[in-house]
């Protein structure tokens, strides 16, 4: 069974940092586009960051650009999201997702991904 399991969420003060991890099991995702999405209470799920299969190309939402860094370790079948300078508006459940393709054209679209983790809560207090 293919699974994505997120970890690393928690409560942090504004200005702090967290590092999320997404471990894949059941198959390798080393050839796939991987992404992080987030969903705040009462809002739709939104794109946060994505990384190409090689790790050489990264993509960010404007709201997190310059503060978040996505990376991957294909040997460990794991994707990371380093979040710095966190703001209260970053509070959300963060989801890891895997695309079935290498193609990065629609990296920002949740419908471009077909495997999702259960999510990890990130809460930033002011």
Protein backbone atom coordinates (compact mmCIF):
# COMPACT_ATOMS: atom_id res chain seq x y z
CA UNK A 1 0.00 0.00 0.00
CA UNK A 2 1.32 3.40 -0.98
CA UNK A 3 1.51 5.82 1.89
CA UNK A 4 2.77 9.33 2.60
CA UNK A 5 3.28 10.16 6.26
CA UNK A 6 3.92 13.72 7.40
CA UNK A 7 5.62 14.67 10.66
CA UNK A 8 7.20 17.68 12.31
CA UNK A 9 4.17 19.88 12.85
CA UNK A 10 3.46 21.61 16.14
CA UNK A 11 2.97 24.88 17.96
CA UNK A 12 5.51 27.65 17.44
CA UNK A 13 5.65 31.36 18.14
CA UNK A 14 5.64 33.87 15.32
CA UNK A 15 9.13 34.23 13.89
CA UNK A 16 10.02 30.66 14.74
CA UNK A 17 10.84 27.70 12.55
CA UNK A 18 9.61 24.18 11.90
CA UNK A 19 10.76 21.43 9.59
CA UNK A 20 8.16 19.12 8.13
CA UNK A 21 9.03 15.69 6.77
CA UNK A 22 7.08 13.46 4.41
CA UNK A 23 8.13 9.84 4.31
CA UNK A 24 6.88 7.67 1.47
CA UNK A 25 6.40 3.94 1.72
CA UNK A 26 5.01 1.22 -0.47
CA UNK A 27 6.77 2.48 -3.59
CA UNK A 28 9.45 4.92 -4.55
CA UNK A 29 8.56 8.47 -5.55
CA UNK A 30 12.03 9.37 -6.74
CA UNK A 31 10.71 9.95 -10.29
CA UNK A 32 7.72 12.04 -9.26
CA UNK A 33 6.91 15.66 -8.66
CA UNK A 34 6.22 16.16 -4.94
CA UNK A 35 4.36 19.00 -3.27
CA UNK A 36 3.20 20.53 -0.01
CA UNK A 37 -0.27 22.00 0.31
CA UNK A 38 -1.97 23.55 3.31
CA UNK A 39 -5.51 24.14 4.50
CA UNK A 40 -6.45 26.71 7.10
CA UNK A 41 -9.76 26.50 9.00
CA UNK A 42 -12.64 27.60 6.82
CA UNK A 43 -10.47 27.93 3.75
CA UNK A 44 -9.76 25.80 0.70
CA UNK A 45 -6.60 23.78 0.37
CA UNK A 46 -3.84 25.84 -1.23
CA UNK A 47 -0.50 25.19 -2.81
CA UNK A 48 2.59 25.96 -0.74
CA UNK A 49 5.63 24.43 -2.44
CA UNK A 50 6.71 21.76 -4.92
CA UNK A 51 9.94 20.07 -5.97
CA UNK A 52 10.81 18.30 -9.21
CA UNK A 53 11.84 14.65 -9.22
CA UNK A 54 15.54 15.58 -9.29
CA UNK A 55 15.26 18.26 -6.63
CA UNK A 56 16.81 20.80 -9.00
CA UNK A 57 13.61 22.76 -9.57
CA UNK A 58 11.52 24.19 -6.77
CA UNK A 59 8.31 26.19 -6.81
CA UNK A 60 6.67 28.33 -4.14
CA UNK A 61 3.49 30.21 -3.50
CA UNK A 62 4.09 33.94 -3.22
CA UNK A 63 2.93 33.85 0.39
CA UNK A 64 5.80 31.56 1.46
CA UNK A 65 8.54 32.53 -0.99
CA UNK A 66 11.74 33.51 0.79
CA UNK A 67 10.63 31.87 4.05
CA UNK A 68 10.00 28.21 3.13
CA UNK A 69 12.40 25.78 1.47
CA UNK A 70 11.35 22.47 -0.06
CA UNK A 71 13.86 19.69 -0.62
CA UNK A 72 13.97 15.96 -1.12
CA UNK A 73 16.21 13.00 -0.42
CA UNK A 74 15.37 10.33 -2.96
CA UNK A 75 17.61 7.80 -1.26
CA UNK A 76 15.37 8.11 1.80
CA UNK A 77 12.16 8.55 -0.19
CA UNK A 78 11.51 11.67 1.89
CA UNK A 79 10.50 15.26 1.15
CA UNK A 80 11.08 18.14 3.55
CA UNK A 81 9.62 21.59 4.08
CA UNK A 82 11.78 23.96 6.11
CA UNK A 83 9.61 26.81 7.36
CA UNK A 84 11.30 29.91 8.76
CA UNK A 85 9.98 33.28 9.93
CA UNK A 86 6.60 31.72 10.55
CA UNK A 87 3.55 33.95 10.76
CA UNK A 88 0.14 33.37 12.38
CA UNK A 89 -1.35 33.19 8.88
CA UNK A 90 0.78 30.10 8.22
CA UNK A 91 -1.42 28.21 10.68
CA UNK A 92 -2.94 25.28 8.80
CA UNK A 93 -2.91 21.55 8.30
CA UNK A 94 -0.02 20.80 5.95
CA UNK A 95 -0.35 17.96 3.46
CA UNK A 96 2.32 16.18 1.46
CA UNK A 97 1.32 15.04 -2.03
CA UNK A 98 2.82 13.01 -4.86
CA UNK A 99 2.08 13.44 -8.53
CA UNK A 100 1.99 10.36 -10.76
CA UNK A 101 4.20 12.24 -13.24
CA UNK A 102 7.57 13.96 -13.59
CA UNK A 103 5.87 16.81 -15.43
CA UNK A 104 5.92 20.03 -13.40
CA UNK A 105 3.55 22.07 -15.58
CA UNK A 106 0.70 22.12 -13.09
CA UNK A 107 2.75 21.95 -9.90
CA UNK A 108 0.35 24.36 -8.17
CA UNK A 109 -2.84 22.37 -8.86
CA UNK A 110 -4.00 19.89 -6.23
CA UNK A 111 -5.73 17.84 -8.93
CA UNK A 112 -2.29 17.15 -10.43
CA UNK A 113 -1.45 14.97 -7.42
CA UNK A 114 -2.99 11.59 -6.72
CA UNK A 115 -1.41 10.46 -3.46
CA UNK A 116 -1.86 12.41 -0.23
CA UNK A 117 -0.71 12.15 3.34
CA UNK A 118 -2.98 12.53 6.34
CA UNK A 119 -1.68 15.99 7.19
CA UNK A 120 0.18 17.55 10.09
CA UNK A 121 -1.03 20.54 12.09
CA UNK A 122 1.10 23.69 12.22
CA UNK A 123 -0.02 26.39 14.62
CA UNK A 124 1.77 29.74 14.83
CA UNK A 125 0.91 31.92 17.81
CA UNK A 126 1.25 35.69 17.75
